[in-house]
Amino acid sequence: MSLPSDRRIGKSELNYEWQELAPSSIFVRSCDMTQDQLTIWLETAVNAKTHREIYGLAKEIREAGNSSPEIRKAARKVVKCLRDVIDLPIAEASVLAKADRRFAVLVNQMRDEASAQPIAA
């Protein structure tokens, strides 16, 4: 899923709602991320309030060897968007808006993958 780059979206349009997963929802596949890891990343994503927090989470996901290629690709796009401005005291609104759109894609990608994984009873 990708958003057109010329479409502006507001924070209210970003779909960051947390959908709680059952506490016993651990499902492990070899060389795959666990449901627990996705849960942690989703919770962190929902609670991220600053672009520095978003950047840190995206870097962690990008570097995780056990995440899916699609999630790592989405995380790479967030990191690429923010890496040149993350240490600046202020950044252009268009750069931050682009990062927000890419982060929304990342969150939705993780949510889709979490819902696709079987949940152990």
PDB file of N, CA and C in Angstrom:
ATOM      1  N   MET A   1       0.839  -1.169   0.000  1.00  0.00           N
ATOM      2  CA  MET A   1       0.000   0.000   0.000  1.00  0.00           C
ATOM      3  C   MET A   1       0.878   1.225   0.000  1.00  0.00           C
ATOM      4  N   SER A   2       0.648   2.136  -0.914  1.00  0.00           N
ATOM      5  CA  SER A   2       1.411   3.372  -0.905  1.00  0.00           C
ATOM      6  C   SER A   2       0.480   4.534  -1.127  1.00  0.00           C
ATOM      7  N   LEU A   3       0.839   5.654  -0.553  1.00  0.00           N
ATOM      8  CA  LEU A   3       0.050   6.856  -0.704  1.00  0.00           C
ATOM      9  C   LEU A   3       0.650   7.706  -1.800  1.00  0.00           C
ATOM     10  N   PRO A   4      -0.183   8.357  -2.592  1.00  0.00           N
ATOM     11  CA  PRO A   4       0.366   9.251  -3.604  1.00  0.00           C
ATOM     12  C   PRO A   4       1.172  10.357  -2.935  1.00  0.00           C
ATOM     13  N   SER A   5       2.311  10.677  -3.502  1.00  0.00           N
ATOM     14  CA  SER A   5       3.196  11.645  -2.862  1.00  0.00           C
ATOM     15  C   SER A   5       2.626  13.063  -2.892  1.00  0.00           C
ATOM     16  N   ASP A   6       1.699  13.343  -3.794  1.00  0.00           N
ATOM     17  CA  ASP A   6       1.155  14.687  -3.875  1.00  0.00           C
ATOM     18  C   ASP A   6      -0.071  14.880  -2.981  1.00  0.00           C
ATOM     19  N   ARG A   7      -0.529  13.833  -2.341  1.00  0.00           N
ATOM     20  CA  ARG A   7      -1.693  13.936  -1.471  1.00  0.00           C
ATOM     21  C   ARG A   7      -1.259  14.297  -0.060  1.00  0.00           C
ATOM     22  N   ARG A   8      -1.821  15.343   0.471  1.00  0.00           N
ATOM     23  CA  ARG A   8      -1.510  15.746   1.839  1.00  0.00           C
ATOM     24  C   ARG A   8      -2.523  15.104   2.770  1.00  0.00           C
ATOM     25  N   ILE A   9      -2.009  14.556   3.864  1.00  0.00           N
ATOM     26  CA  ILE A   9      -2.910  13.983   4.857  1.00  0.00           C
ATOM     27  C   ILE A   9      -2.602  14.602   6.202  1.00  0.00           C
ATOM     28  N   GLY A  10      -3.604  14.697   7.015  1.00  0.00           N
ATOM     29  CA  GLY A  10      -3.432  15.235   8.356  1.00  0.00           C
ATOM     30  C   GLY A  10      -3.249  14.127   9.360  1.00  0.00           C
ATOM     31  N   LYS A  11      -2.815  14.498  10.557  1.00  0.00           N
ATOM     32  CA  LYS A  11      -2.599  13.516  11.616  1.00  0.00           C
ATOM     33  C   LYS A  11      -3.879  12.720  11.887  1.00  0.00           C
ATOM     34  N   SER A  12      -5.050  13.366  11.760  1.00  0.00           N
ATOM     35  CA  SER A  12      -6.292  12.673  12.054  1.00  0.00           C
ATOM     36  C   SER A  12      -6.569  11.555  11.064  1.00  0.00           C
ATOM     37  N   GLU A  13      -5.978  11.605   9.871  1.00  0.00           N
ATOM     38  CA  GLU A  13      -6.198  10.575   8.867  1.00  0.00           C
ATOM     39  C   GLU A  13      -5.271   9.378   9.043  1.00  0.00           C
ATOM     40  N   LEU A  14      -4.206   9.536   9.818  1.00  0.00           N
ATOM     41  CA  LEU A  14      -3.288   8.423  10.013  1.00  0.00           C
ATOM     42  C   LEU A  14      -3.955   7.384  10.897  1.00  0.00           C
ATOM     43  N   ASN A  15      -3.856   6.169  10.488  1.00  0.00           N
ATOM     44  CA  ASN A  15      -4.560   5.086  11.171  1.00  0.00           C
ATOM     45  C   ASN A  15      -3.639   4.433  12.195  1.00  0.00           C
ATOM     46  N   TYR A  16      -3.534   5.039  13.391  1.00  0.00           N
ATOM     47  CA  TYR A  16      -2.623   4.547  14.419  1.00  0.00           C
ATOM     48  C   TYR A  16      -3.342   3.842  15.565  1.00  0.00           C
ATOM     49  N   GLU A  17      -4.612   3.516  15.409  1.00  0.00           N
ATOM     50  CA  GLU A  17      -5.312   2.903  16.527  1.00  0.00           C
ATOM     51  C   GLU A  17      -4.651   1.585  16.898  1.00  0.00           C
ATOM     52  N   TRP A  18      -4.585   1.320  18.171  1.00  0.00           N
ATOM     53  CA  TRP A  18      -3.973   0.089  18.671  1.00  0.00           C
ATOM     54  C   TRP A  18      -5.052  -0.970  18.756  1.00  0.00           C
ATOM     55  N   GLN A  19      -4.803  -2.081  18.132  1.00  0.00           N
ATOM     56  CA  GLN A  19      -5.716  -3.206  18.218  1.00  0.00           C
ATOM     57  C   GLN A  19      -5.038  -4.258  19.078  1.00  0.00           C
ATOM     58  N   GLU A  20      -5.559  -4.419  20.291  1.00  0.00           N
ATOM     59  CA  GLU A  20      -4.901  -5.310  21.253  1.00  0.00           C
ATOM     60  C   GLU A  20      -4.993  -6.758  20.804  1.00  0.00           C
ATOM     61  N   LEU A  21      -3.898  -7.444  20.924  1.00  0.00           N
ATOM     62  CA  LEU A  21      -3.839  -8.859  20.596  1.00  0.00           C
ATOM     63  C   LEU A  21      -3.953  -9.665  21.877  1.00  0.00           C
ATOM     64  N   ALA A  22      -4.462 -10.855  21.755  1.00  0.00           N
ATOM     65  CA  ALA A  22      -4.616 -11.715  22.930  1.00  0.00           C
ATOM     66  C   ALA A  22      -3.266 -11.929  23.593  1.00  0.00           C
ATOM     67  N   PRO A  23      -3.203 -11.922  24.949  1.00  0.00           N
ATOM     68  CA  PRO A  23      -1.924 -12.076  25.635  1.00  0.00           C
ATOM     69  C   PRO A  23      -1.240 -13.406  25.340  1.00  0.00           C
ATOM     70  N   SER A  24      -1.992 -14.404  24.949  1.00  0.00           N
ATOM     71  CA  SER A  24      -1.384 -15.702  24.662  1.00  0.00           C
ATOM     72  C   SER A  24      -1.134 -15.870  23.162  1.00  0.00           C
ATOM     73  N   SER A  25      -0.973 -14.767  22.455  1.00  0.00           N
ATOM     74  CA  SER A  25      -0.888 -14.830  20.997  1.00  0.00           C
ATOM     75  C   SER A  25       0.552 -14.940  20.506  1.00  0.00           C
ATOM     76  N   ILE A  26       1.262 -15.931  20.996  1.00  0.00           N
ATOM     77  CA  ILE A  26       2.642 -16.125  20.565  1.00  0.00           C
ATOM     78  C   ILE A  26       2.665 -17.209  19.498  1.00  0.00           C
ATOM     79  N   PHE A  27       3.187 -16.855  18.334  1.00  0.00           N
ATOM     80  CA  PHE A  27       3.323 -17.830  17.253  1.00  0.00           C
ATOM     81  C   PHE A  27       4.686 -17.606  16.632  1.00  0.00           C
ATOM     82  N   VAL A  28       5.537 -18.598  16.687  1.00  0.00           N
ATOM     83  CA  VAL A  28       6.899 -18.452  16.205  1.00  0.00           C
ATOM     84  C   VAL A  28       7.109 -19.331  14.985  1.00  0.00           C
ATOM     85  N   ARG A  29       7.666 -18.736  13.926  1.00  0.00           N
ATOM     86  CA  ARG A  29       8.104 -19.504  12.768  1.00  0.00           C
ATOM     87  C   ARG A  29       9.604 -19.307  12.675  1.00  0.00           C
ATOM     88  N   SER A  30      10.322 -20.321  12.246  1.00  0.00           N
ATOM     89  CA  SER A  30      11.772 -20.179  12.166  1.00  0.00           C
ATOM     90  C   SER A  30      12.122 -19.063  11.203  1.00  0.00           C
ATOM     91  N   CYS A  31      13.111 -18.257  11.573  1.00  0.00           N
ATOM     92  CA  CYS A  31      13.583 -17.122  10.775  1.00  0.00           C
ATOM     93  C   CYS A  31      12.495 -16.091  10.534  1.00  0.00           C
ATOM     94  N   ASP A  32      11.465 -16.071  11.346  1.00  0.00           N
ATOM     95  CA  ASP A  32      10.403 -15.097  11.222  1.00  0.00           C
ATOM     96  C   ASP A  32      10.263 -14.366  12.547  1.00  0.00           C
ATOM     97  N   MET A  33       9.697 -13.166  12.472  1.00  0.00           N
ATOM     98  CA  MET A  33       9.481 -12.449  13.708  1.00  0.00           C
ATOM     99  C   MET A  33       8.314 -13.066  14.452  1.00  0.00           C
ATOM    100  N   THR A  34       8.314 -12.882  15.726  1.00  0.00           N
ATOM    101  CA  THR A  34       7.252 -13.438  16.552  1.00  0.00           C
ATOM    102  C   THR A  34       6.095 -12.458  16.635  1.00  0.00           C
ATOM    103  N   GLN A  35       4.965 -12.981  17.024  1.00  0.00           N
ATOM    104  CA  GLN A  35       3.791 -12.133  17.265  1.00  0.00           C
ATOM    105  C   GLN A  35       4.119 -11.138  18.373  1.00  0.00           C
ATOM    106  N   ASP A  36       4.907 -11.591  19.363  1.00  0.00           N
ATOM    107  CA  ASP A  36       5.301 -10.692  20.444  1.00  0.00           C
ATOM    108  C   ASP A  36       6.093  -9.499  19.926  1.00  0.00           C
ATOM    109  N   GLN A  37       7.027  -9.736  19.006  1.00  0.00           N
ATOM    110  CA  GLN A  37       7.831  -8.636  18.465  1.00  0.00           C
ATOM    111  C   GLN A  37       6.948  -7.649  17.709  1.00  0.00           C
ATOM    112  N   LEU A  38       6.038  -8.156  16.915  1.00  0.00           N
ATOM    113  CA  LEU A  38       5.107  -7.279  16.204  1.00  0.00           C
ATOM    114  C   LEU A  38       4.261  -6.480  17.191  1.00  0.00           C
ATOM    115  N   THR A  39       3.811  -7.139  18.237  1.00  0.00           N
ATOM    116  CA  THR A  39       3.007  -6.461  19.256  1.00  0.00           C
ATOM    117  C   THR A  39       3.787  -5.321  19.898  1.00  0.00           C
ATOM    118  N   ILE A  40       5.037  -5.590  20.235  1.00  0.00           N
ATOM    119  CA  ILE A  40       5.887  -4.560  20.846  1.00  0.00           C
ATOM    120  C   ILE A  40       6.079  -3.398  19.878  1.00  0.00           C
ATOM    121  N   TRP A  41       6.392  -3.709  18.618  1.00  0.00           N
ATOM    122  CA  TRP A  41       6.598  -2.643  17.631  1.00  0.00           C
ATOM    123  C   TRP A  41       5.323  -1.836  17.397  1.00  0.00           C
ATOM    124  N   LEU A  42       4.193  -2.516  17.329  1.00  0.00           N
ATOM    125  CA  LEU A  42       2.937  -1.791  17.127  1.00  0.00           C
ATOM    126  C   LEU A  42       2.616  -0.889  18.310  1.00  0.00           C
ATOM    127  N   GLU A  43       2.826  -1.400  19.511  1.00  0.00           N
ATOM    128  CA  GLU A  43       2.574  -0.586  20.705  1.00  0.00           C
ATOM    129  C   GLU A  43       3.510   0.626  20.730  1.00  0.00           C
ATOM    130  N   THR A  44       4.768   0.408  20.396  1.00  0.00           N
ATOM    131  CA  THR A  44       5.733   1.507  20.349  1.00  0.00           C
ATOM    132  C   THR A  44       5.329   2.516  19.280  1.00  0.00           C
ATOM    133  N   ALA A  45       4.882   2.035  18.140  1.00  0.00           N
ATOM    134  CA  ALA A  45       4.465   2.923  17.049  1.00  0.00           C
ATOM    135  C   ALA A  45       3.280   3.785  17.464  1.00  0.00           C
ATOM    136  N   VAL A  46       2.319   3.191  18.124  1.00  0.00           N
ATOM    137  CA  VAL A  46       1.140   3.932  18.559  1.00  0.00           C
ATOM    138  C   VAL A  46       1.512   4.989  19.592  1.00  0.00           C
ATOM    139  N   ASN A  47       2.485   4.684  20.429  1.00  0.00           N
ATOM    140  CA  ASN A  47       2.891   5.611  21.484  1.00  0.00           C
ATOM    141  C   ASN A  47       3.946   6.617  21.040  1.00  0.00           C
ATOM    142  N   ALA A  48       4.459   6.485  19.827  1.00  0.00           N
ATOM    143  CA  ALA A  48       5.486   7.419  19.339  1.00  0.00           C
ATOM    144  C   ALA A  48       4.875   8.811  19.172  1.00  0.00           C
ATOM    145  N   LYS A  49       5.462   9.779  19.836  1.00  0.00           N
ATOM    146  CA  LYS A  49       4.936  11.140  19.798  1.00  0.00           C
ATOM    147  C   LYS A  49       5.817  12.092  19.003  1.00  0.00           C
ATOM    148  N   THR A  50       7.071  11.720  18.799  1.00  0.00           N
ATOM    149  CA  THR A  50       7.992  12.610  18.091  1.00  0.00           C
ATOM    150  C   THR A  50       8.593  11.902  16.888  1.00  0.00           C
ATOM    151  N   HIS A  51       9.126  12.699  15.989  1.00  0.00           N
ATOM    152  CA  HIS A  51       9.780  12.114  14.819  1.00  0.00           C
ATOM    153  C   HIS A  51      11.067  11.389  15.208  1.00  0.00           C
ATOM    154  N   ARG A  52      11.682  11.777  16.303  1.00  0.00           N
ATOM    155  CA  ARG A  52      12.864  11.047  16.779  1.00  0.00           C
ATOM    156  C   ARG A  52      12.478   9.641  17.245  1.00  0.00           C
ATOM    157  N   GLU A  53      11.335   9.531  17.914  1.00  0.00           N
ATOM    158  CA  GLU A  53      10.855   8.205  18.324  1.00  0.00           C
ATOM    159  C   GLU A  53      10.492   7.362  17.102  1.00  0.00           C
ATOM    160  N   ILE A  54       9.856   7.975  16.130  1.00  0.00           N
ATOM    161  CA  ILE A  54       9.500   7.283  14.891  1.00  0.00           C
ATOM    162  C   ILE A  54      10.765   6.801  14.187  1.00  0.00           C
ATOM    163  N   TYR A  55      11.758   7.674  14.108  1.00  0.00           N
ATOM    164  CA  TYR A  55      13.024   7.341  13.455  1.00  0.00           C
ATOM    165  C   TYR A  55      13.715   6.179  14.165  1.00  0.00           C
ATOM    166  N   GLY A  56      13.763   6.235  15.488  1.00  0.00           N
ATOM    167  CA  GLY A  56      14.400   5.169  16.263  1.00  0.00           C
ATOM    168  C   GLY A  56      13.721   3.818  16.056  1.00  0.00           C
ATOM    169  N   LEU A  57      12.393   3.821  16.055  1.00  0.00           N
ATOM    170  CA  LEU A  57      11.657   2.572  15.839  1.00  0.00           C
ATOM    171  C   LEU A  57      11.888   2.053  14.424  1.00  0.00           C
ATOM    172  N   ALA A  58      11.835   2.938  13.443  1.00  0.00           N
ATOM    173  CA  ALA A  58      12.041   2.522  12.056  1.00  0.00           C
ATOM    174  C   ALA A  58      13.447   1.950  11.856  1.00  0.00           C
ATOM    175  N   LYS A  59      14.446   2.571  12.498  1.00  0.00           N
ATOM    176  CA  LYS A  59      15.815   2.039  12.411  1.00  0.00           C
ATOM    177  C   LYS A  59      15.905   0.645  13.016  1.00  0.00           C
ATOM    178  N   GLU A  60      15.271   0.459  14.161  1.00  0.00           N
ATOM    179  CA  GLU A  60      15.278  -0.849  14.819  1.00  0.00           C
ATOM    180  C   GLU A  60      14.635  -1.904  13.920  1.00  0.00           C
ATOM    181  N   ILE A  61      13.507  -1.576  13.333  1.00  0.00           N
ATOM    182  CA  ILE A  61      12.804  -2.521  12.462  1.00  0.00           C
ATOM    183  C   ILE A  61      13.635  -2.814  11.216  1.00  0.00           C
ATOM    184  N   ARG A  62      14.213  -1.771  10.640  1.00  0.00           N
ATOM    185  CA  ARG A  62      15.025  -1.930   9.429  1.00  0.00           C
ATOM    186  C   ARG A  62      16.199  -2.872   9.676  1.00  0.00           C
ATOM    187  N   GLU A  63      16.787  -2.792  10.848  1.00  0.00           N
ATOM    188  CA  GLU A  63      17.968  -3.588  11.165  1.00  0.00           C
ATOM    189  C   GLU A  63      17.633  -4.975  11.713  1.00  0.00           C
ATOM    190  N   ALA A  64      16.360  -5.227  12.004  1.00  0.00           N
ATOM    191  CA  ALA A  64      15.958  -6.522  12.557  1.00  0.00           C
ATOM    192  C   ALA A  64      16.015  -7.580  11.468  1.00  0.00           C
ATOM    193  N   GLY A  65      16.797  -8.593  11.689  1.00  0.00           N
ATOM    194  CA  GLY A  65      16.938  -9.650  10.703  1.00  0.00           C
ATOM    195  C   GLY A  65      15.734 -10.568  10.633  1.00  0.00           C
ATOM    196  N   ASN A  66      14.872 -10.498  11.632  1.00  0.00           N
ATOM    197  CA  ASN A  66      13.745 -11.423  11.656  1.00  0.00           C
ATOM    198  C   ASN A  66      12.438 -10.792  11.193  1.00  0.00           C
ATOM    199  N   SER A  67      12.474  -9.563  10.681  1.00  0.00           N
ATOM    200  CA  SER A  67      11.245  -8.959  10.171  1.00  0.00           C
ATOM    201  C   SER A  67      11.110  -9.257   8.685  1.00  0.00           C
ATOM    202  N   SER A  68       9.908  -9.160   8.192  1.00  0.00           N
ATOM    203  CA  SER A  68       9.653  -9.499   6.789  1.00  0.00           C
ATOM    204  C   SER A  68      10.284  -8.454   5.872  1.00  0.00           C
ATOM    205  N   PRO A  69      10.570  -8.819   4.637  1.00  0.00           N
ATOM    206  CA  PRO A  69      11.148  -7.870   3.684  1.00  0.00           C
ATOM    207  C   PRO A  69      10.246  -6.654   3.451  1.00  0.00           C
ATOM    208  N   GLU A  70       8.931  -6.862   3.462  1.00  0.00           N
ATOM    209  CA  GLU A  70       8.004  -5.755   3.238  1.00  0.00           C
ATOM    210  C   GLU A  70       8.057  -4.747   4.381  1.00  0.00           C
ATOM    211  N   ILE A  71       8.122  -5.250   5.604  1.00  0.00           N
ATOM    212  CA  ILE A  71       8.187  -4.355   6.763  1.00  0.00           C
ATOM    213  C   ILE A  71       9.532  -3.639   6.787  1.00  0.00           C
ATOM    214  N   ARG A  72      10.621  -4.352   6.498  1.00  0.00           N
ATOM    215  CA  ARG A  72      11.935  -3.695   6.464  1.00  0.00           C
ATOM    216  C   ARG A  72      11.980  -2.618   5.374  1.00  0.00           C
ATOM    217  N   LYS A  73      11.358  -2.880   4.235  1.00  0.00           N
ATOM    218  CA  LYS A  73      11.332  -1.898   3.145  1.00  0.00           C
ATOM    219  C   LYS A  73      10.563  -0.645   3.576  1.00  0.00           C
ATOM    220  N   ALA A  74       9.429  -0.831   4.220  1.00  0.00           N
ATOM    221  CA  ALA A  74       8.650   0.309   4.706  1.00  0.00           C
ATOM    222  C   ALA A  74       9.441   1.092   5.755  1.00  0.00           C
ATOM    223  N   ALA A  75      10.146   0.380   6.638  1.00  0.00           N
ATOM    224  CA  ALA A  75      10.965   1.036   7.660  1.00  0.00           C
ATOM    225  C   ALA A  75      12.126   1.794   7.017  1.00  0.00           C
ATOM    226  N   ARG A  76      12.734   1.194   5.989  1.00  0.00           N
ATOM    227  CA  ARG A  76      13.830   1.868   5.272  1.00  0.00           C
ATOM    228  C   ARG A  76      13.374   3.200   4.683  1.00  0.00           C
ATOM    229  N   LYS A  77      12.153   3.236   4.169  1.00  0.00           N
ATOM    230  CA  LYS A  77      11.623   4.471   3.587  1.00  0.00           C
ATOM    231  C   LYS A  77      11.453   5.557   4.647  1.00  0.00           C
ATOM    232  N   VAL A  78      11.021   5.167   5.841  1.00  0.00           N
ATOM    233  CA  VAL A  78      10.885   6.133   6.940  1.00  0.00           C
ATOM    234  C   VAL A  78      12.260   6.662   7.329  1.00  0.00           C
ATOM    235  N   VAL A  79      13.226   5.762   7.498  1.00  0.00           N
ATOM    236  CA  VAL A  79      14.583   6.148   7.886  1.00  0.00           C
ATOM    237  C   VAL A  79      15.189   7.065   6.826  1.00  0.00           C
ATOM    238  N   LYS A  80      15.043   6.712   5.575  1.00  0.00           N
ATOM    239  CA  LYS A  80      15.597   7.513   4.483  1.00  0.00           C
ATOM    240  C   LYS A  80      15.016   8.921   4.484  1.00  0.00           C
ATOM    241  N   CYS A  81      13.751   9.028   4.768  1.00  0.00           N
ATOM    242  CA  CYS A  81      13.086  10.325   4.776  1.00  0.00           C
ATOM    243  C   CYS A  81      13.582  11.220   5.916  1.00  0.00           C
ATOM    244  N   LEU A  82      13.864  10.614   7.066  1.00  0.00           N
ATOM    245  CA  LEU A  82      14.203  11.397   8.262  1.00  0.00           C
ATOM    246  C   LEU A  82      15.697  11.530   8.540  1.00  0.00           C
ATOM    247  N   ARG A  83      16.535  10.691   7.941  1.00  0.00           N
ATOM    248  CA  ARG A  83      17.940  10.640   8.363  1.00  0.00           C
ATOM    249  C   ARG A  83      18.694  11.956   8.197  1.00  0.00           C
ATOM    250  N   ASP A  84      18.357  12.758   7.192  1.00  0.00           N
ATOM    251  CA  ASP A  84      19.082  14.011   6.986  1.00  0.00           C
ATOM    252  C   ASP A  84      18.589  15.147   7.881  1.00  0.00           C
ATOM    253  N   VAL A  85      17.423  14.975   8.494  1.00  0.00           N
ATOM    254  CA  VAL A  85      16.871  16.065   9.305  1.00  0.00           C
ATOM    255  C   VAL A  85      16.709  15.713  10.774  1.00  0.00           C
ATOM    256  N   ILE A  86      16.951  14.466  11.138  1.00  0.00           N
ATOM    257  CA  ILE A  86      16.629  14.023  12.490  1.00  0.00           C
ATOM    258  C   ILE A  86      17.442  14.744  13.566  1.00  0.00           C
ATOM    259  N   ASP A  87      18.655  15.161  13.260  1.00  0.00           N
ATOM    260  CA  ASP A  87      19.478  15.845  14.250  1.00  0.00           C
ATOM    261  C   ASP A  87      19.344  17.365  14.199  1.00  0.00           C
ATOM    262  N   LEU A  88      18.542  17.866  13.292  1.00  0.00           N
ATOM    263  CA  LEU A  88      18.327  19.304  13.197  1.00  0.00           C
ATOM    264  C   LEU A  88      17.276  19.740  14.218  1.00  0.00           C
ATOM    265  N   PRO A  89      17.379  20.969  14.727  1.00  0.00           N
ATOM    266  CA  PRO A  89      16.387  21.431  15.700  1.00  0.00           C
ATOM    267  C   PRO A  89      15.003  21.627  15.074  1.00  0.00           C
ATOM    268  N   ILE A  90      14.975  21.856  13.767  1.00  0.00           N
ATOM    269  CA  ILE A  90      13.707  22.058  13.069  1.00  0.00           C
ATOM    270  C   ILE A  90      13.858  21.530  11.645  1.00  0.00           C
ATOM    271  N   ALA A  91      12.780  21.008  11.112  1.00  0.00           N
ATOM    272  CA  ALA A  91      12.805  20.471   9.752  1.00  0.00           C
ATOM    273  C   ALA A  91      11.610  21.025   8.988  1.00  0.00           C
ATOM    274  N   GLU A  92      11.702  20.963   7.673  1.00  0.00           N
ATOM    275  CA  GLU A  92      10.602  21.454   6.846  1.00  0.00           C
ATOM    276  C   GLU A  92       9.365  20.590   7.067  1.00  0.00           C
ATOM    277  N   ALA A  93       8.228  21.242   7.076  1.00  0.00           N
ATOM    278  CA  ALA A  93       6.962  20.548   7.303  1.00  0.00           C
ATOM    279  C   ALA A  93       6.711  19.489   6.234  1.00  0.00           C
ATOM    280  N   SER A  94       7.125  19.758   5.004  1.00  0.00           N
ATOM    281  CA  SER A  94       6.882  18.789   3.925  1.00  0.00           C
ATOM    282  C   SER A  94       7.663  17.495   4.159  1.00  0.00           C
ATOM    283  N   VAL A  95       8.864  17.604   4.713  1.00  0.00           N
ATOM    284  CA  VAL A  95       9.674  16.416   5.013  1.00  0.00           C
ATOM    285  C   VAL A  95       9.013  15.608   6.132  1.00  0.00           C
ATOM    286  N   LEU A  96       8.548  16.301   7.154  1.00  0.00           N
ATOM    287  CA  LEU A  96       7.914  15.614   8.276  1.00  0.00           C
ATOM    288  C   LEU A  96       6.577  15.000   7.867  1.00  0.00           C
ATOM    289  N   ALA A  97       5.844  15.678   7.003  1.00  0.00           N
ATOM    290  CA  ALA A  97       4.577  15.127   6.509  1.00  0.00           C
ATOM    291  C   ALA A  97       4.824  13.866   5.689  1.00  0.00           C
ATOM    292  N   LYS A  98       5.871  13.899   4.873  1.00  0.00           N
ATOM    293  CA  LYS A  98       6.231  12.720   4.080  1.00  0.00           C
ATOM    294  C   LYS A  98       6.607  11.569   5.010  1.00  0.00           C
ATOM    295  N   ALA A  99       7.357  11.866   6.063  1.00  0.00           N
ATOM    296  CA  ALA A  99       7.731  10.837   7.038  1.00  0.00           C
ATOM    297  C   ALA A  99       6.493  10.272   7.727  1.00  0.00           C
ATOM    298  N   ASP A 100       5.540  11.128   8.061  1.00  0.00           N
ATOM    299  CA  ASP A 100       4.295  10.659   8.682  1.00  0.00           C
ATOM    300  C   ASP A 100       3.533   9.708   7.761  1.00  0.00           C
ATOM    301  N   ARG A 101       3.470  10.045   6.478  1.00  0.00           N
ATOM    302  CA  ARG A 101       2.784   9.165   5.517  1.00  0.00           C
ATOM    303  C   ARG A 101       3.486   7.818   5.425  1.00  0.00           C
ATOM    304  N   ARG A 102       4.802   7.850   5.348  1.00  0.00           N
ATOM    305  CA  ARG A 102       5.562   6.599   5.261  1.00  0.00           C
ATOM    306  C   ARG A 102       5.448   5.789   6.544  1.00  0.00           C
ATOM    307  N   PHE A 103       5.393   6.469   7.676  1.00  0.00           N
ATOM    308  CA  PHE A 103       5.235   5.771   8.949  1.00  0.00           C
ATOM    309  C   PHE A 103       3.854   5.120   9.033  1.00  0.00           C
ATOM    310  N   ALA A 104       2.839   5.790   8.529  1.00  0.00           N
ATOM    311  CA  ALA A 104       1.494   5.210   8.513  1.00  0.00           C
ATOM    312  C   ALA A 104       1.478   3.933   7.677  1.00  0.00           C
ATOM    313  N   VAL A 105       2.188   3.942   6.564  1.00  0.00           N
ATOM    314  CA  VAL A 105       2.294   2.744   5.728  1.00  0.00           C
ATOM    315  C   VAL A 105       2.989   1.626   6.509  1.00  0.00           C
ATOM    316  N   LEU A 106       4.063   1.960   7.210  1.00  0.00           N
ATOM    317  CA  LEU A 106       4.787   0.977   8.017  1.00  0.00           C
ATOM    318  C   LEU A 106       3.879   0.376   9.086  1.00  0.00           C
ATOM    319  N   VAL A 107       3.149   1.218   9.795  1.00  0.00           N
ATOM    320  CA  VAL A 107       2.254   0.739  10.861  1.00  0.00           C
ATOM    321  C   VAL A 107       1.183  -0.174  10.268  1.00  0.00           C
ATOM    322  N   ASN A 108       0.604   0.222   9.159  1.00  0.00           N
ATOM    323  CA  ASN A 108      -0.422  -0.604   8.536  1.00  0.00           C
ATOM    324  C   ASN A 108       0.152  -1.923   8.025  1.00  0.00           C
ATOM    325  N   GLN A 109       1.379  -1.898   7.518  1.00  0.00           N
ATOM    326  CA  GLN A 109       2.041  -3.121   7.063  1.00  0.00           C
ATOM    327  C   GLN A 109       2.243  -4.077   8.238  1.00  0.00           C
ATOM    328  N   MET A 110       2.692  -3.540   9.371  1.00  0.00           N
ATOM    329  CA  MET A 110       2.874  -4.381  10.556  1.00  0.00           C
ATOM    330  C   MET A 110       1.537  -4.928  11.044  1.00  0.00           C
ATOM    331  N   ARG A 111       0.513  -4.092  11.036  1.00  0.00           N
ATOM    332  CA  ARG A 111      -0.814  -4.527  11.477  1.00  0.00           C
ATOM    333  C   ARG A 111      -1.346  -5.637  10.560  1.00  0.00           C
ATOM    334  N   ASP A 112      -1.151  -5.480   9.257  1.00  0.00           N
ATOM    335  CA  ASP A 112      -1.594  -6.509   8.312  1.00  0.00           C
ATOM    336  C   ASP A 112      -0.873  -7.828   8.564  1.00  0.00           C
ATOM    337  N   GLU A 113       0.427  -7.735   8.793  1.00  0.00           N
ATOM    338  CA  GLU A 113       1.198  -8.955   9.035  1.00  0.00           C
ATOM    339  C   GLU A 113       0.808  -9.599  10.357  1.00  0.00           C
ATOM    340  N   ALA A 114       0.536  -8.776  11.362  1.00  0.00           N
ATOM    341  CA  ALA A 114       0.142  -9.319  12.667  1.00  0.00           C
ATOM    342  C   ALA A 114      -1.199 -10.029  12.558  1.00  0.00           C
ATOM    343  N   SER A 115      -2.114  -9.474  11.781  1.00  0.00           N
ATOM    344  CA  SER A 115      -3.419 -10.115  11.652  1.00  0.00           C
ATOM    345  C   SER A 115      -3.371 -11.349  10.763  1.00  0.00           C
ATOM    346  N   ALA A 116      -2.350 -11.463   9.919  1.00  0.00           N
ATOM    347  CA  ALA A 116      -2.218 -12.621   9.027  1.00  0.00           C
ATOM    348  C   ALA A 116      -1.586 -13.811   9.728  1.00  0.00           C
ATOM    349  N   GLN A 117      -0.847 -13.556  10.805  1.00  0.00           N
ATOM    350  CA  GLN A 117      -0.192 -14.658  11.521  1.00  0.00           C
ATOM    351  C   GLN A 117      -1.210 -15.386  12.377  1.00  0.00           C
ATOM    352  N   PRO A 118      -1.170 -16.717  12.372  1.00  0.00           N
ATOM    353  CA  PRO A 118      -2.081 -17.478  13.237  1.00  0.00           C
ATOM    354  C   PRO A 118      -1.811 -17.156  14.708  1.00  0.00           C
ATOM    355  N   ILE A 119      -2.857 -17.131  15.475  1.00  0.00           N
ATOM    356  CA  ILE A 119      -2.732 -16.844  16.902  1.00  0.00           C
ATOM    357  C   ILE A 119      -2.923 -18.140  17.664  1.00  0.00           C
ATOM    358  N   ALA A 120      -1.931 -18.476  18.484  1.00  0.00           N
ATOM    359  CA  ALA A 120      -2.013 -19.696  19.295  1.00  0.00           C
ATOM    360  C   ALA A 120      -3.028 -19.503  20.407  1.00  0.00           C
ATOM    361  N   ALA A 121      -3.748 -20.513  20.705  1.00  0.00           N
ATOM    362  CA  ALA A 121      -4.768 -20.417  21.756  1.00  0.00           C
ATOM    363  C   ALA A 121      -4.178 -20.576  23.124  1.00  0.00           C
TER     364      ALA A 121
END
